[in-house]
Each structure stands twice: as structure tokens, then as C-alpha cells.
N, C-alpha and C. Protein backbone atom coordinates (compact mmCIF):
# COMPACT_ATOMS: atom_id res chain seq x y z
N GLU A 1 14.56 6.43 -11.91
CA GLU A 1 15.11 6.15 -10.59
C GLU A 1 16.27 7.09 -10.26
N ALA A 2 17.14 7.32 -11.26
CA ALA A 2 18.25 8.25 -11.03
C ALA A 2 17.72 9.65 -10.73
N ARG A 3 16.74 10.08 -11.49
CA ARG A 3 16.16 11.42 -11.26
C ARG A 3 15.55 11.50 -9.87
N ARG A 4 14.86 10.44 -9.45
CA ARG A 4 14.21 10.44 -8.13
C ARG A 4 15.25 10.55 -7.02
N VAL A 5 16.34 9.81 -7.14
CA VAL A 5 17.40 9.87 -6.13
C VAL A 5 17.99 11.28 -6.06
N LEU A 6 18.20 11.90 -7.21
CA LEU A 6 18.75 13.26 -7.23
C LEU A 6 17.77 14.27 -6.65
N GLU A 7 16.47 14.05 -6.87
CA GLU A 7 15.46 14.91 -6.25
C GLU A 7 15.52 14.79 -4.73
N LEU A 8 15.65 13.57 -4.22
CA LEU A 8 15.74 13.36 -2.78
C LEU A 8 17.01 14.01 -2.22
N HIS A 9 18.11 13.89 -2.96
CA HIS A 9 19.35 14.51 -2.51
C HIS A 9 19.21 16.03 -2.43
N ARG A 10 18.60 16.61 -3.45
CA ARG A 10 18.41 18.08 -3.44
C ARG A 10 17.49 18.50 -2.30
N ALA A 11 16.46 17.69 -2.01
CA ALA A 11 15.55 18.02 -0.91
C ALA A 11 16.28 17.99 0.43
N GLU A 12 17.26 17.10 0.56
CA GLU A 12 18.01 16.98 1.81
C GLU A 12 19.08 18.06 1.95
N THR A 13 19.74 18.40 0.85
CA THR A 13 20.94 19.24 0.93
C THR A 13 20.76 20.62 0.29
N GLY A 14 19.72 20.76 -0.53
CA GLY A 14 19.52 22.03 -1.22
C GLY A 14 20.30 22.17 -2.51
N ASP A 15 21.01 21.13 -2.92
CA ASP A 15 21.83 21.23 -4.12
C ASP A 15 22.01 19.85 -4.74
N LEU A 16 22.50 19.82 -5.97
CA LEU A 16 22.86 18.56 -6.60
C LEU A 16 24.24 18.12 -6.13
N PRO A 17 24.51 16.81 -6.11
CA PRO A 17 25.83 16.35 -5.70
C PRO A 17 26.89 16.70 -6.74
N ARG A 18 28.11 16.86 -6.27
CA ARG A 18 29.24 17.13 -7.17
C ARG A 18 30.03 15.87 -7.46
N ARG A 19 29.82 14.83 -6.63
CA ARG A 19 30.55 13.57 -6.80
C ARG A 19 29.66 12.44 -6.29
N ILE A 20 29.49 11.40 -7.11
CA ILE A 20 28.56 10.31 -6.79
C ILE A 20 29.28 8.97 -6.90
N LEU A 21 28.92 8.05 -5.98
CA LEU A 21 29.41 6.67 -6.04
C LEU A 21 28.20 5.74 -6.09
N ASP A 22 28.20 4.81 -7.06
CA ASP A 22 27.16 3.79 -7.15
C ASP A 22 27.78 2.45 -6.75
N VAL A 23 27.30 1.88 -5.65
CA VAL A 23 27.85 0.64 -5.10
C VAL A 23 27.07 -0.55 -5.67
N GLY A 24 27.80 -1.51 -6.24
CA GLY A 24 27.16 -2.63 -6.89
C GLY A 24 26.57 -2.21 -8.22
N CYS A 25 27.39 -1.55 -9.05
CA CYS A 25 26.88 -0.87 -10.24
C CYS A 25 26.55 -1.81 -11.40
N ALA A 26 27.01 -3.06 -11.34
CA ALA A 26 26.79 -4.03 -12.43
C ALA A 26 27.27 -3.44 -13.76
N THR A 27 26.41 -3.38 -14.78
CA THR A 27 26.85 -2.90 -16.09
C THR A 27 26.75 -1.39 -16.22
N GLY A 28 26.45 -0.69 -15.13
CA GLY A 28 26.61 0.76 -15.11
C GLY A 28 25.45 1.61 -15.56
N ALA A 29 24.27 1.02 -15.74
CA ALA A 29 23.14 1.81 -16.26
C ALA A 29 22.74 2.93 -15.30
N HIS A 30 22.63 2.61 -14.01
CA HIS A 30 22.26 3.65 -13.05
C HIS A 30 23.35 4.71 -12.93
N ALA A 31 24.60 4.28 -12.88
CA ALA A 31 25.70 5.23 -12.77
C ALA A 31 25.71 6.19 -13.96
N ALA A 32 25.48 5.67 -15.15
CA ALA A 32 25.45 6.52 -16.34
C ALA A 32 24.28 7.49 -16.30
N ALA A 33 23.12 7.01 -15.83
CA ALA A 33 21.96 7.90 -15.73
C ALA A 33 22.19 8.99 -14.70
N LEU A 34 22.83 8.64 -13.59
CA LEU A 34 23.16 9.65 -12.57
C LEU A 34 24.11 10.70 -13.14
N ALA A 35 25.11 10.24 -13.90
CA ALA A 35 26.06 11.18 -14.52
C ALA A 35 25.35 12.11 -15.49
N HIS A 36 24.41 11.56 -16.24
CA HIS A 36 23.68 12.35 -17.23
C HIS A 36 22.82 13.42 -16.56
N HIS A 37 22.08 13.03 -15.54
CA HIS A 37 21.13 13.96 -14.92
C HIS A 37 21.80 14.92 -13.94
N ALA A 38 22.88 14.49 -13.30
CA ALA A 38 23.55 15.37 -12.33
C ALA A 38 24.64 16.20 -12.97
N GLY A 39 25.18 15.72 -14.09
CA GLY A 39 26.25 16.45 -14.76
C GLY A 39 27.51 16.57 -13.91
N CYS A 40 27.84 15.50 -13.19
CA CYS A 40 29.00 15.55 -12.31
C CYS A 40 29.82 14.28 -12.43
N GLU A 41 30.89 14.21 -11.65
CA GLU A 41 31.76 13.03 -11.65
C GLU A 41 31.05 11.87 -10.93
N VAL A 42 31.00 10.71 -11.60
CA VAL A 42 30.35 9.53 -11.04
C VAL A 42 31.30 8.34 -11.12
N TRP A 43 31.36 7.60 -10.03
CA TRP A 43 32.12 6.36 -9.96
C TRP A 43 31.13 5.21 -9.76
N GLY A 44 31.50 4.04 -10.28
CA GLY A 44 30.73 2.83 -10.04
C GLY A 44 31.66 1.70 -9.64
N ILE A 45 31.27 0.93 -8.64
CA ILE A 45 32.09 -0.22 -8.23
C ILE A 45 31.25 -1.49 -8.22
N ASP A 46 31.92 -2.60 -8.53
CA ASP A 46 31.28 -3.91 -8.46
C ASP A 46 32.38 -4.94 -8.29
N LEU A 47 32.03 -6.06 -7.67
CA LEU A 47 33.01 -7.11 -7.40
C LEU A 47 33.25 -7.97 -8.64
N GLU A 48 32.31 -7.97 -9.59
CA GLU A 48 32.41 -8.83 -10.76
C GLU A 48 33.17 -8.14 -11.90
N ARG A 49 34.33 -8.69 -12.24
CA ARG A 49 35.16 -8.08 -13.28
C ARG A 49 34.47 -8.03 -14.64
N ALA A 50 33.71 -9.07 -14.97
CA ALA A 50 33.04 -9.10 -16.28
C ALA A 50 32.02 -7.97 -16.39
N LEU A 51 31.31 -7.68 -15.30
CA LEU A 51 30.34 -6.59 -15.32
C LEU A 51 31.03 -5.23 -15.45
N ILE A 52 32.13 -5.05 -14.74
CA ILE A 52 32.86 -3.79 -14.83
C ILE A 52 33.43 -3.60 -16.24
N SER A 53 33.92 -4.66 -16.84
CA SER A 53 34.43 -4.57 -18.22
C SER A 53 33.34 -4.12 -19.17
N ARG A 54 32.16 -4.68 -19.01
CA ARG A 54 31.04 -4.29 -19.87
C ARG A 54 30.62 -2.85 -19.59
N ALA A 55 30.62 -2.46 -18.31
CA ALA A 55 30.25 -1.08 -17.96
C ALA A 55 31.21 -0.09 -18.60
N ARG A 56 32.51 -0.40 -18.56
CA ARG A 56 33.51 0.50 -19.15
C ARG A 56 33.31 0.66 -20.64
N ARG A 57 32.95 -0.43 -21.32
CA ARG A 57 32.72 -0.35 -22.76
C ARG A 57 31.48 0.48 -23.09
N ARG A 58 30.47 0.38 -22.26
CA ARG A 58 29.19 1.03 -22.55
C ARG A 58 29.14 2.50 -22.15
N HIS A 59 29.81 2.84 -21.06
CA HIS A 59 29.63 4.18 -20.49
C HIS A 59 30.99 4.84 -20.25
N ARG A 60 31.42 5.61 -21.21
CA ARG A 60 32.75 6.23 -21.14
C ARG A 60 32.79 7.42 -20.18
N ASN A 61 31.62 7.93 -19.80
CA ASN A 61 31.58 9.13 -18.95
C ASN A 61 31.56 8.82 -17.46
N VAL A 62 31.74 7.54 -17.10
CA VAL A 62 31.73 7.13 -15.69
C VAL A 62 33.03 6.39 -15.39
N ARG A 63 33.54 6.57 -14.18
CA ARG A 63 34.73 5.86 -13.74
C ARG A 63 34.33 4.58 -13.02
N PHE A 64 34.78 3.45 -13.52
CA PHE A 64 34.41 2.17 -12.94
C PHE A 64 35.64 1.48 -12.35
N ARG A 65 35.40 0.75 -11.27
CA ARG A 65 36.49 0.04 -10.62
C ARG A 65 35.97 -1.26 -10.02
N VAL A 66 36.77 -2.32 -10.14
CA VAL A 66 36.47 -3.57 -9.45
C VAL A 66 36.80 -3.38 -7.98
N ALA A 67 35.80 -3.50 -7.12
CA ALA A 67 36.01 -3.26 -5.69
C ALA A 67 34.94 -3.96 -4.88
N ASP A 68 35.31 -4.34 -3.68
CA ASP A 68 34.41 -4.97 -2.72
C ASP A 68 33.72 -3.89 -1.91
N MET A 69 32.40 -3.98 -1.77
CA MET A 69 31.69 -2.94 -1.01
C MET A 69 32.10 -2.94 0.47
N MET A 70 32.74 -4.01 0.94
CA MET A 70 33.19 -4.05 2.32
C MET A 70 34.43 -3.18 2.55
N ARG A 71 35.24 -3.02 1.49
CA ARG A 71 36.47 -2.22 1.59
C ARG A 71 36.77 -1.61 0.22
N PRO A 72 36.02 -0.62 -0.16
CA PRO A 72 36.13 -0.08 -1.53
C PRO A 72 37.43 0.64 -1.87
N ARG A 73 38.08 1.31 -0.92
CA ARG A 73 39.37 1.94 -1.15
C ARG A 73 39.37 2.83 -2.39
N LEU A 74 38.62 3.89 -2.33
CA LEU A 74 38.51 4.84 -3.44
C LEU A 74 39.10 6.19 -3.05
N PRO A 75 39.54 6.96 -4.03
CA PRO A 75 40.10 8.28 -3.71
C PRO A 75 39.03 9.29 -3.37
N GLY A 76 39.23 10.04 -2.31
CA GLY A 76 38.31 11.12 -1.96
C GLY A 76 37.00 10.63 -1.37
N THR A 77 36.07 11.57 -1.23
CA THR A 77 34.76 11.27 -0.68
C THR A 77 33.68 11.67 -1.68
N PHE A 78 32.43 11.31 -1.36
CA PHE A 78 31.33 11.49 -2.29
C PHE A 78 30.15 12.18 -1.59
N ASP A 79 29.49 13.07 -2.32
CA ASP A 79 28.33 13.76 -1.77
C ASP A 79 27.10 12.86 -1.73
N LEU A 80 27.04 11.91 -2.67
CA LEU A 80 25.91 10.98 -2.76
C LEU A 80 26.44 9.59 -3.03
N ILE A 81 26.00 8.63 -2.23
CA ILE A 81 26.31 7.22 -2.46
C ILE A 81 25.00 6.47 -2.66
N THR A 82 24.91 5.72 -3.75
CA THR A 82 23.70 4.97 -4.05
C THR A 82 24.01 3.47 -4.05
N SER A 83 22.99 2.69 -3.73
CA SER A 83 23.08 1.24 -3.82
C SER A 83 21.70 0.72 -4.18
N PHE A 84 21.52 0.35 -5.44
CA PHE A 84 20.21 -0.03 -5.97
C PHE A 84 19.98 -1.54 -5.87
N TYR A 85 18.71 -1.91 -5.99
CA TYR A 85 18.29 -3.30 -6.21
C TYR A 85 18.79 -4.29 -5.17
N GLY A 86 18.87 -3.86 -3.93
CA GLY A 86 19.17 -4.80 -2.85
C GLY A 86 20.57 -5.38 -2.87
N VAL A 87 21.53 -4.65 -3.44
CA VAL A 87 22.91 -5.13 -3.48
C VAL A 87 23.43 -5.47 -2.08
N VAL A 88 22.98 -4.73 -1.05
CA VAL A 88 23.48 -4.98 0.31
C VAL A 88 23.11 -6.37 0.82
N ALA A 89 22.16 -7.04 0.16
CA ALA A 89 21.81 -8.40 0.58
C ALA A 89 22.97 -9.37 0.37
N TYR A 90 23.91 -9.02 -0.50
CA TYR A 90 25.08 -9.87 -0.70
C TYR A 90 26.02 -9.84 0.51
N ALA A 91 25.79 -8.95 1.44
CA ALA A 91 26.54 -8.97 2.70
C ALA A 91 26.23 -10.24 3.49
N ARG A 92 25.00 -10.73 3.36
CA ARG A 92 24.56 -12.04 3.87
C ARG A 92 24.32 -12.13 5.37
N THR A 93 25.09 -11.46 6.19
CA THR A 93 24.90 -11.53 7.64
C THR A 93 24.77 -10.11 8.20
N PRO A 94 24.10 -9.94 9.35
CA PRO A 94 23.99 -8.60 9.94
C PRO A 94 25.34 -7.97 10.23
N ARG A 95 26.32 -8.77 10.65
CA ARG A 95 27.64 -8.23 10.94
C ARG A 95 28.29 -7.66 9.69
N ARG A 96 28.22 -8.42 8.59
CA ARG A 96 28.81 -7.95 7.35
C ARG A 96 28.00 -6.79 6.75
N LEU A 97 26.69 -6.78 6.98
CA LEU A 97 25.89 -5.64 6.55
C LEU A 97 26.39 -4.37 7.23
N GLY A 98 26.66 -4.47 8.54
CA GLY A 98 27.20 -3.32 9.26
C GLY A 98 28.52 -2.85 8.68
N ARG A 99 29.37 -3.80 8.29
CA ARG A 99 30.66 -3.44 7.69
C ARG A 99 30.45 -2.71 6.36
N ALA A 100 29.51 -3.20 5.56
CA ALA A 100 29.26 -2.57 4.26
C ALA A 100 28.75 -1.14 4.42
N ILE A 101 27.84 -0.94 5.37
CA ILE A 101 27.30 0.40 5.59
C ILE A 101 28.37 1.32 6.17
N ARG A 102 29.21 0.80 7.06
CA ARG A 102 30.31 1.62 7.59
C ARG A 102 31.28 2.03 6.49
N ALA A 103 31.52 1.13 5.54
CA ALA A 103 32.40 1.47 4.42
C ALA A 103 31.81 2.60 3.60
N MET A 104 30.49 2.56 3.37
CA MET A 104 29.83 3.65 2.64
C MET A 104 29.95 4.95 3.43
N ALA A 105 29.67 4.87 4.73
CA ALA A 105 29.71 6.07 5.56
C ALA A 105 31.10 6.70 5.56
N SER A 106 32.14 5.88 5.51
CA SER A 106 33.51 6.41 5.52
C SER A 106 33.84 7.17 4.24
N LEU A 107 33.06 6.94 3.18
CA LEU A 107 33.31 7.60 1.90
C LEU A 107 32.39 8.79 1.67
N LEU A 108 31.51 9.07 2.63
CA LEU A 108 30.59 10.21 2.48
C LEU A 108 31.27 11.51 2.86
N SER A 109 31.05 12.53 2.04
CA SER A 109 31.49 13.88 2.39
C SER A 109 30.66 14.39 3.57
N PRO A 110 31.15 15.36 4.35
CA PRO A 110 30.32 15.95 5.41
C PRO A 110 29.00 16.46 4.84
N GLY A 111 27.89 16.05 5.45
CA GLY A 111 26.58 16.44 4.95
C GLY A 111 26.09 15.61 3.79
N GLY A 112 26.86 14.57 3.42
CA GLY A 112 26.49 13.72 2.28
C GLY A 112 25.31 12.80 2.60
N VAL A 113 24.76 12.20 1.55
CA VAL A 113 23.59 11.34 1.67
C VAL A 113 23.88 9.98 1.05
N ALA A 114 23.50 8.91 1.76
CA ALA A 114 23.56 7.56 1.22
C ALA A 114 22.13 7.07 0.97
N TRP A 115 21.90 6.56 -0.21
CA TRP A 115 20.56 6.07 -0.59
C TRP A 115 20.70 4.57 -0.83
N VAL A 116 20.16 3.76 0.08
CA VAL A 116 20.36 2.32 0.07
C VAL A 116 19.01 1.62 -0.14
N GLU A 117 18.91 0.89 -1.22
CA GLU A 117 17.68 0.15 -1.49
C GLU A 117 17.82 -1.28 -0.99
N PRO A 118 17.05 -1.68 0.01
CA PRO A 118 17.17 -3.04 0.53
C PRO A 118 16.58 -4.07 -0.43
N TRP A 119 16.96 -5.31 -0.22
CA TRP A 119 16.32 -6.42 -0.91
C TRP A 119 15.03 -6.73 -0.15
N HIS A 120 14.42 -7.87 -0.36
CA HIS A 120 13.21 -8.23 0.39
C HIS A 120 13.51 -8.21 1.89
N LEU A 121 12.61 -7.62 2.65
CA LEU A 121 12.79 -7.58 4.09
C LEU A 121 12.38 -8.92 4.71
N ARG A 122 13.10 -9.28 5.75
CA ARG A 122 12.90 -10.59 6.36
C ARG A 122 11.47 -10.80 6.82
N GLU A 123 10.85 -9.75 7.36
CA GLU A 123 9.50 -9.91 7.93
C GLU A 123 8.42 -10.08 6.87
N HIS A 124 8.76 -9.77 5.61
CA HIS A 124 7.74 -9.86 4.55
C HIS A 124 8.04 -10.91 3.48
N TYR A 125 9.24 -11.46 3.49
CA TYR A 125 9.65 -12.29 2.36
C TYR A 125 8.98 -13.66 2.37
N VAL A 126 8.43 -14.02 1.22
CA VAL A 126 7.86 -15.35 1.00
C VAL A 126 8.49 -15.90 -0.28
N PRO A 127 9.27 -16.98 -0.18
CA PRO A 127 9.90 -17.52 -1.39
C PRO A 127 8.86 -18.13 -2.32
N ARG A 128 8.87 -17.73 -3.55
CA ARG A 128 7.95 -18.30 -4.53
C ARG A 128 8.59 -18.23 -5.91
N PRO A 129 8.26 -19.18 -6.77
CA PRO A 129 8.81 -19.14 -8.12
C PRO A 129 8.23 -17.96 -8.90
N THR A 130 9.05 -17.34 -9.72
CA THR A 130 8.60 -16.22 -10.54
C THR A 130 9.09 -16.41 -11.97
N SER A 131 8.40 -15.75 -12.90
CA SER A 131 8.83 -15.81 -14.29
C SER A 131 8.48 -14.49 -14.97
N ARG A 132 9.21 -14.20 -16.04
CA ARG A 132 8.99 -12.96 -16.77
C ARG A 132 9.50 -13.14 -18.19
N VAL A 133 8.84 -12.52 -19.15
CA VAL A 133 9.25 -12.60 -20.55
C VAL A 133 9.34 -11.19 -21.11
N VAL A 134 10.44 -10.93 -21.82
CA VAL A 134 10.63 -9.65 -22.52
C VAL A 134 10.87 -9.96 -23.99
N GLU A 135 10.17 -9.28 -24.88
CA GLU A 135 10.32 -9.54 -26.30
C GLU A 135 10.53 -8.26 -27.09
N THR A 136 11.41 -8.34 -28.09
CA THR A 136 11.58 -7.28 -29.08
C THR A 136 11.43 -7.91 -30.46
N ALA A 137 11.69 -7.15 -31.51
CA ALA A 137 11.54 -7.68 -32.86
C ALA A 137 12.54 -8.80 -33.15
N THR A 138 13.69 -8.78 -32.47
CA THR A 138 14.74 -9.76 -32.77
C THR A 138 15.10 -10.67 -31.61
N THR A 139 14.59 -10.37 -30.42
CA THR A 139 15.04 -11.11 -29.23
C THR A 139 13.88 -11.41 -28.29
N SER A 140 13.89 -12.58 -27.71
CA SER A 140 12.94 -12.95 -26.67
C SER A 140 13.73 -13.53 -25.50
N ILE A 141 13.47 -12.99 -24.29
CA ILE A 141 14.16 -13.46 -23.10
C ILE A 141 13.13 -13.92 -22.08
N ALA A 142 13.24 -15.16 -21.66
CA ALA A 142 12.38 -15.70 -20.60
C ALA A 142 13.24 -15.91 -19.36
N ARG A 143 12.79 -15.37 -18.23
CA ARG A 143 13.53 -15.46 -16.97
C ARG A 143 12.66 -16.16 -15.95
N ALA A 144 13.20 -17.20 -15.30
CA ALA A 144 12.48 -17.90 -14.25
C ALA A 144 13.39 -18.03 -13.04
N SER A 145 12.82 -17.90 -11.85
CA SER A 145 13.65 -18.00 -10.64
C SER A 145 12.93 -18.81 -9.58
N SER A 146 13.73 -19.44 -8.73
CA SER A 146 13.20 -20.15 -7.57
C SER A 146 14.09 -19.83 -6.38
N ALA A 147 13.51 -19.87 -5.19
CA ALA A 147 14.25 -19.47 -3.99
C ALA A 147 14.02 -20.48 -2.87
N LEU A 148 15.07 -20.68 -2.08
CA LEU A 148 14.99 -21.58 -0.93
C LEU A 148 15.61 -20.87 0.26
N ILE A 149 14.85 -20.75 1.35
CA ILE A 149 15.37 -20.13 2.56
C ILE A 149 16.20 -21.13 3.35
N ARG A 150 17.41 -20.72 3.70
CA ARG A 150 18.29 -21.53 4.55
C ARG A 150 18.67 -20.68 5.76
N GLY A 151 17.92 -20.83 6.83
CA GLY A 151 18.16 -20.01 8.01
C GLY A 151 17.83 -18.56 7.72
N ARG A 152 18.85 -17.70 7.78
CA ARG A 152 18.65 -16.27 7.52
C ARG A 152 19.13 -15.86 6.15
N GLN A 153 19.37 -16.86 5.30
CA GLN A 153 19.83 -16.57 3.95
C GLN A 153 18.93 -17.24 2.93
N VAL A 154 19.04 -16.76 1.69
CA VAL A 154 18.23 -17.29 0.60
C VAL A 154 19.14 -17.77 -0.52
N ASP A 155 18.94 -18.99 -0.96
CA ASP A 155 19.60 -19.49 -2.17
C ASP A 155 18.65 -19.22 -3.33
N LEU A 156 19.09 -18.34 -4.22
CA LEU A 156 18.26 -17.93 -5.34
C LEU A 156 18.87 -18.47 -6.63
N ARG A 157 18.08 -19.17 -7.40
CA ARG A 157 18.52 -19.68 -8.70
C ARG A 157 17.71 -18.99 -9.79
N VAL A 158 18.42 -18.48 -10.79
CA VAL A 158 17.76 -17.77 -11.89
C VAL A 158 18.21 -18.40 -13.20
N ALA A 159 17.25 -18.76 -14.05
CA ALA A 159 17.55 -19.34 -15.36
C ALA A 159 16.99 -18.44 -16.45
N TYR A 160 17.78 -18.26 -17.51
CA TYR A 160 17.37 -17.44 -18.65
C TYR A 160 17.41 -18.27 -19.92
N THR A 161 16.38 -18.12 -20.74
CA THR A 161 16.39 -18.63 -22.10
C THR A 161 16.34 -17.44 -23.04
N VAL A 162 17.36 -17.32 -23.88
CA VAL A 162 17.47 -16.16 -24.77
C VAL A 162 17.38 -16.64 -26.22
N ALA A 163 16.35 -16.20 -26.92
CA ALA A 163 16.20 -16.49 -28.35
C ALA A 163 16.52 -15.22 -29.11
N ARG A 164 17.62 -15.26 -29.87
CA ARG A 164 18.05 -14.07 -30.62
C ARG A 164 18.20 -14.46 -32.07
N ASN A 165 17.29 -13.96 -32.92
CA ASN A 165 17.24 -14.36 -34.32
C ASN A 165 17.16 -15.88 -34.40
N SER A 166 18.15 -16.55 -34.95
CA SER A 166 18.07 -18.01 -35.09
C SER A 166 18.83 -18.75 -33.99
N ARG A 167 19.35 -18.01 -33.00
CA ARG A 167 20.16 -18.61 -31.94
C ARG A 167 19.36 -18.76 -30.65
N LEU A 168 19.65 -19.82 -29.92
CA LEU A 168 19.02 -20.05 -28.62
C LEU A 168 20.12 -20.25 -27.58
N GLU A 169 20.07 -19.45 -26.49
CA GLU A 169 21.08 -19.54 -25.43
C GLU A 169 20.41 -19.82 -24.10
N LEU A 170 21.11 -20.60 -23.27
CA LEU A 170 20.63 -20.90 -21.93
C LEU A 170 21.66 -20.39 -20.92
N HIS A 171 21.18 -19.70 -19.89
CA HIS A 171 22.07 -19.16 -18.87
C HIS A 171 21.50 -19.50 -17.50
N ASP A 172 22.39 -19.73 -16.56
CA ASP A 172 21.98 -20.12 -15.21
C ASP A 172 22.80 -19.33 -14.19
N GLU A 173 22.13 -18.76 -13.19
CA GLU A 173 22.80 -18.01 -12.13
C GLU A 173 22.37 -18.53 -10.78
N ARG A 174 23.30 -18.49 -9.83
CA ARG A 174 22.98 -18.84 -8.45
C ARG A 174 23.48 -17.74 -7.53
N HIS A 175 22.63 -17.32 -6.62
CA HIS A 175 22.96 -16.23 -5.70
C HIS A 175 22.63 -16.66 -4.28
N ARG A 176 23.47 -16.27 -3.33
CA ARG A 176 23.14 -16.43 -1.91
C ARG A 176 23.03 -15.04 -1.30
N LEU A 177 21.88 -14.76 -0.73
CA LEU A 177 21.56 -13.42 -0.25
C LEU A 177 21.11 -13.46 1.20
N GLY A 178 21.39 -12.39 1.93
CA GLY A 178 20.96 -12.30 3.31
C GLY A 178 19.57 -11.73 3.43
N LEU A 179 18.82 -12.24 4.40
CA LEU A 179 17.50 -11.70 4.72
C LEU A 179 17.63 -10.83 5.96
N PHE A 180 17.43 -9.53 5.80
CA PHE A 180 17.54 -8.59 6.91
C PHE A 180 16.18 -7.98 7.22
N SER A 181 15.93 -7.75 8.48
CA SER A 181 14.70 -7.08 8.88
C SER A 181 14.87 -5.58 8.72
N SER A 182 13.75 -4.87 8.73
CA SER A 182 13.82 -3.41 8.65
C SER A 182 14.58 -2.85 9.86
N GLU A 183 14.42 -3.49 11.02
CA GLU A 183 15.14 -3.05 12.22
C GLU A 183 16.65 -3.22 12.05
N GLU A 184 17.07 -4.33 11.45
CA GLU A 184 18.49 -4.56 11.23
C GLU A 184 19.07 -3.57 10.23
N MET A 185 18.29 -3.23 9.20
CA MET A 185 18.76 -2.24 8.23
C MET A 185 18.97 -0.89 8.92
N MET A 186 17.99 -0.47 9.70
CA MET A 186 18.10 0.81 10.40
C MET A 186 19.25 0.81 11.40
N LYS A 187 19.42 -0.30 12.11
CA LYS A 187 20.49 -0.40 13.11
C LYS A 187 21.85 -0.30 12.43
N ALA A 188 22.01 -0.94 11.27
CA ALA A 188 23.29 -0.90 10.56
C ALA A 188 23.64 0.53 10.15
N ILE A 189 22.63 1.28 9.71
CA ILE A 189 22.88 2.66 9.28
C ILE A 189 23.12 3.57 10.48
N GLU A 190 22.26 3.48 11.48
CA GLU A 190 22.40 4.36 12.63
C GLU A 190 23.65 4.03 13.45
N GLY A 191 24.16 2.80 13.31
CA GLY A 191 25.38 2.41 14.01
C GLY A 191 26.61 3.14 13.50
N THR A 192 26.51 3.77 12.34
CA THR A 192 27.63 4.55 11.80
C THR A 192 27.60 6.00 12.29
N GLY A 193 26.53 6.37 12.99
CA GLY A 193 26.36 7.77 13.39
C GLY A 193 25.48 8.55 12.45
N MET A 194 25.09 7.93 11.33
CA MET A 194 24.17 8.59 10.41
C MET A 194 22.74 8.44 10.91
N SER A 195 21.90 9.38 10.56
CA SER A 195 20.47 9.22 10.81
C SER A 195 19.85 8.52 9.61
N ALA A 196 18.74 7.82 9.81
CA ALA A 196 18.12 7.05 8.74
C ALA A 196 16.60 7.21 8.76
N ARG A 197 16.02 7.12 7.59
CA ARG A 197 14.57 7.10 7.49
C ARG A 197 14.16 6.34 6.25
N TRP A 198 12.95 5.81 6.30
CA TRP A 198 12.40 5.14 5.13
C TRP A 198 11.86 6.19 4.16
N GLU A 199 12.05 5.95 2.87
CA GLU A 199 11.55 6.85 1.84
C GLU A 199 10.91 6.00 0.75
N GLY A 200 9.58 6.02 0.70
CA GLY A 200 8.90 5.29 -0.36
C GLY A 200 9.21 3.80 -0.38
N GLY A 201 9.30 3.19 0.79
CA GLY A 201 9.61 1.77 0.86
C GLY A 201 11.09 1.48 0.84
N ARG A 202 11.92 2.52 0.77
CA ARG A 202 13.36 2.33 0.76
C ARG A 202 13.97 3.07 1.95
N ILE A 203 15.25 2.82 2.19
CA ILE A 203 15.94 3.53 3.27
C ILE A 203 16.80 4.63 2.68
């Protein structure tokens, strides 16, 4: 995914970025991959302190900061801004989505590119229970989720069962996410003065 984003950036600008920001970086895997493949300065931001702490321990070659995507307040500008896995859905409302995109646009260098991966689009989303299992020689993780639509938002509950050697752990997460249409996504981006296009199912 990191390589693909860098290929798209080079196709748009003719060069690799010199400075990258990953919005909603979580534990930093994408930010670290971008740093590896681009060989440049990379920053990652996330609102969750525990995730940023883990990212800092795992990836020493990336600069991480606890920050809100609505008002990131970072030094300088960036040639490439990425936002993977539908992080913008945490904006929850079209108005706040516009604020988040404007914040990204304010941090773009002239001629810079923002690569924003939406969550499920409103016109296509059907809430259904899902499950997945991942196994290694020492660990088995079962993930199950259920979703409930409340107006224009989704209450998502995710439960994990982790079997590691002789230990069994149970984890539970709850998320509230906004459902945005493709038109709303495009409007939020174009409202900043940037041009927008879909690329392989993404914006």
C-alpha cells in the first residue's frame, strides 16, 4: 500500500515526496513503510496516546505526535499526506469531515498531494456481522464485529479473543463512525480548493 501511494504521488508530481504526514497512524506501520520506501522524513499523528506510545517504541525512524486531525498543529508543510483505512469516518458529520480535510489541505506544500482512503460509502454500506481468524504457531486471534446504523452514523462493536500459548485474552472495542456519500467526500475535498478524483476505489 505504501509503495502504491508513492507510485501515485510520483505519477502526479514527477518525483518522490521529501516530507510525508500519515493522519490516523495508529501503531505506525504505514508511516514506517512510507519512510522505508521513500527514504524521507515522515510524521505520524493519532489521537490515541497508547497507539502513539507503541508506534514510538516500534518505529524509531518516524516522528510521532498525539494530535487531532481537526487541528494537527505541526511544524512546516508536507509534500504527501496520507490517511488510510477510513480514518476520516471518525469525523462523524459532513461539517467535521470538511474541517478535517481543510486541516490536511493547510499542511500541504504547494503542488502537494493528499491521499485519503474513505470508509464504507453511505450509498453502498450494509451493516452485517463479520468474523476473521488469524493463526500463527504461538497465537490465534479471532475477531468478530457487529454494526448498527443510527441515522448517518454507525455504532461498530469489535470483539477479539486472543489465545497466546497458554493465555487467553478478551478485548472489546466500540467505535462511532460517520457514513459519508461519495458526493460528500468529493465536496469536502473540492471545498478546500483542491481538485479530487477517485483512484482504484479511493479518493
